[in-house]
């Protein structure tokens, strides 16, 4: 059971790290995309 808990902790930590690294990237892409979305003509 201890091993399972460790594994779960590791998986959670790994997922959190991956999410953290992905968040800024997604945010950076979302910020510049927002103005384009505001202008559908330019986006299309």
Protein backbone atom coordinates (compact mmCIF):
# COMPACT_ATOMS: atom_id res chain seq x y z
CA UNK A 1 0.00 0.00 0.00
CA UNK A 2 2.90 2.29 0.79
CA UNK A 3 4.27 1.77 -2.70
CA UNK A 4 0.91 2.52 -4.26
CA UNK A 5 0.71 5.76 -2.29
CA UNK A 6 4.21 6.71 -3.41
CA UNK A 7 3.31 5.95 -7.00
CA UNK A 8 0.17 8.06 -6.76
CA UNK A 9 2.14 10.91 -5.20
CA UNK A 10 4.70 10.71 -7.99
CA UNK A 11 2.03 10.65 -10.66
CA UNK A 12 0.28 13.63 -9.09
CA UNK A 13 3.55 15.54 -8.83
CA UNK A 14 4.40 14.68 -12.44
CA UNK A 15 0.96 15.77 -13.63
CA UNK A 16 1.20 18.99 -11.62
CA UNK A 17 4.64 19.77 -13.05
CA UNK A 18 3.46 19.04 -16.59
CA UNK A 19 0.36 21.16 -16.04
CA UNK A 20 2.43 24.01 -14.58
CA UNK A 21 4.77 23.95 -17.57
CA UNK A 22 1.82 23.77 -19.96
CA UNK A 23 -0.15 26.59 -18.30
CA UNK A 24 2.20 29.47 -19.23
CA UNK A 25 2.46 28.17 -22.79
CA UNK A 26 -1.30 27.95 -23.18
CA UNK A 27 -1.71 31.36 -21.54
CA UNK A 28 0.86 32.95 -23.84
CA UNK A 29 -0.94 31.52 -26.88
CA UNK A 30 -4.34 32.53 -25.52
CA UNK A 31 -3.35 36.17 -24.89
CA UNK A 32 -2.31 36.91 -28.51
CA UNK A 33 -5.26 34.88 -29.80
CA UNK A 34 -7.78 36.92 -27.82
CA UNK A 35 -7.53 40.05 -30.03
CA UNK A 36 -7.73 37.88 -33.13
CA UNK A 37 -10.86 36.29 -31.74
CA UNK A 38 -12.33 39.73 -31.11
CA UNK A 39 -11.95 40.40 -34.84
CA UNK A 40 -13.57 37.36 -36.53
CA UNK A 41 -12.95 38.92 -39.96
CA UNK A 42 -9.18 38.97 -39.37
CA UNK A 43 -9.28 35.54 -37.73
CA UNK A 44 -11.13 33.95 -40.64
